[in-house]
Amino acid sequence: MSNDGQPAQDPLIDEAQAEQRRSAAARLFDIRRVIGGLFVAYGVIVTLIGVFDSRAEIDKAEGVRINLWAGLTMLVFGLLMLLWQWWRPAEAPAPNEQQPDA
């Protein structure tokens, strides 16, 4: 009986820790978070550009504050993606368990 200075490992604790790691990885790499974050960042930038558009730029777009509207649309879409990710978080994939051949 060699202990080698290692504490005894409980298989239930190991399984719970593995499930927690899978769940955290699934949430971290959820595509909704990436898309939402990028759209929010670009939406803020384009909205600020639209707020400070010059009269010449507005006239060039035939009187429409296109940067402002596009930025607000991007901001709303990005926030909806982040809210969706918050309301329905990603589920961790099931572990691949080996089934005995029948």
Protein backbone atom coordinates (compact mmCIF):
# COMPACT_ATOMS: atom_id res chain seq x y z
CA MET A 1 0.00 0.00 0.00
CA SER A 2 1.96 2.94 -1.28
CA ASN A 3 0.50 6.36 -0.59
CA ASP A 4 3.27 8.41 -2.25
CA GLY A 5 2.15 11.46 -0.26
CA GLN A 6 -1.03 11.83 -2.34
CA PRO A 7 -4.40 12.29 -0.63
CA ALA A 8 -7.12 9.76 -1.37
CA GLN A 9 -9.28 10.73 -4.35
CA ASP A 10 -13.05 10.43 -4.17
CA PRO A 11 -14.46 9.51 -7.62
CA LEU A 12 -17.65 11.51 -6.97
CA ILE A 13 -15.66 14.66 -6.25
CA ASP A 14 -13.53 14.11 -9.36
CA GLU A 15 -16.69 13.69 -11.47
CA ALA A 16 -18.27 16.84 -10.00
CA GLN A 17 -15.11 18.86 -10.67
CA ALA A 18 -14.95 17.58 -14.25
CA GLU A 19 -18.61 18.54 -14.80
CA GLN A 20 -17.95 21.99 -13.35
CA ARG A 21 -14.96 22.49 -15.70
CA ARG A 22 -17.01 21.39 -18.74
CA SER A 23 -19.83 23.73 -17.76
CA ALA A 24 -17.47 26.69 -17.30
CA ALA A 25 -15.78 26.00 -20.65
CA ALA A 26 -19.16 25.78 -22.41
CA ARG A 27 -20.21 29.15 -21.00
CA LEU A 28 -16.87 30.79 -21.70
CA PHE A 29 -16.81 29.84 -25.37
CA ASP A 30 -20.51 30.43 -26.05
CA ILE A 31 -20.69 32.12 -29.46
CA ARG A 32 -23.51 34.38 -28.27
CA ARG A 33 -21.11 36.02 -25.82
CA VAL A 34 -18.52 36.69 -28.51
CA ILE A 35 -21.02 38.02 -31.05
CA GLY A 36 -22.85 40.09 -28.44
CA GLY A 37 -19.66 41.60 -27.08
CA LEU A 38 -18.38 42.57 -30.52
CA PHE A 39 -21.70 44.10 -31.58
CA VAL A 40 -21.95 46.08 -28.35
CA ALA A 41 -18.39 47.40 -28.72
CA TYR A 42 -18.84 48.36 -32.38
CA GLY A 43 -22.32 49.71 -31.65
CA VAL A 44 -20.98 52.09 -29.03
CA ILE A 45 -18.25 53.31 -31.39
CA VAL A 46 -20.57 53.83 -34.37
CA THR A 47 -23.22 55.48 -32.17
CA LEU A 48 -20.68 57.96 -30.84
CA ILE A 49 -19.53 58.70 -34.38
CA GLY A 50 -23.19 59.24 -35.34
CA VAL A 51 -23.79 61.61 -32.44
CA PHE A 52 -20.88 63.79 -33.53
CA ASP A 53 -21.50 63.67 -37.32
CA SER A 54 -20.94 66.95 -39.11
CA ARG A 55 -23.64 68.59 -41.19
CA ALA A 56 -21.73 67.65 -44.36
CA GLU A 57 -21.77 63.97 -43.43
CA ILE A 58 -25.51 64.09 -42.71
CA ASP A 59 -26.18 65.85 -46.03
CA LYS A 60 -24.05 63.25 -47.81
CA ALA A 61 -26.45 60.57 -46.46
CA GLU A 62 -29.44 62.61 -47.70
CA GLY A 63 -30.37 63.90 -44.25
CA VAL A 64 -30.33 60.53 -42.48
CA ARG A 65 -28.07 60.12 -39.46
CA ILE A 66 -27.05 56.70 -40.74
CA ASN A 67 -24.15 56.22 -38.31
CA LEU A 68 -26.41 56.92 -35.36
CA TRP A 69 -29.12 54.50 -36.53
CA ALA A 70 -26.66 51.78 -37.50
CA GLY A 71 -24.84 52.14 -34.17
CA LEU A 72 -28.04 51.95 -32.16
CA THR A 73 -29.16 48.90 -34.14
CA MET A 74 -25.83 47.17 -33.52
CA LEU A 75 -25.99 48.07 -29.84
CA VAL A 76 -29.51 46.66 -29.44
CA PHE A 77 -28.61 43.47 -31.33
CA GLY A 78 -25.49 42.95 -29.20
CA LEU A 79 -27.43 43.47 -25.98
CA LEU A 80 -30.10 41.01 -27.14
CA MET A 81 -27.41 38.39 -27.80
CA LEU A 82 -25.93 38.93 -24.33
CA LEU A 83 -29.37 38.78 -22.70
CA TRP A 84 -30.15 35.58 -24.59
CA GLN A 85 -26.90 34.06 -23.34
CA TRP A 86 -27.78 35.13 -19.79
CA TRP A 87 -31.39 33.83 -19.93
CA ARG A 88 -30.50 30.49 -21.51
CA PRO A 89 -26.90 29.60 -20.60
CA ALA A 90 -25.09 26.95 -22.60
CA GLU A 91 -25.26 23.45 -21.23
CA ALA A 92 -22.12 21.43 -20.81
CA PRO A 93 -21.82 18.58 -23.29
CA ALA A 94 -22.34 15.11 -21.88
CA PRO A 95 -19.13 13.23 -21.19
CA ASN A 96 -18.24 10.51 -23.64
CA GLU A 97 -18.74 7.32 -21.67
CA GLN A 98 -17.66 4.03 -23.15
CA GLN A 99 -20.62 1.66 -23.54
CA PRO A 100 -19.80 -2.07 -23.44
CA ASP A 101 -20.42 -3.76 -26.78
CA ALA A 102 -23.51 -5.96 -26.70
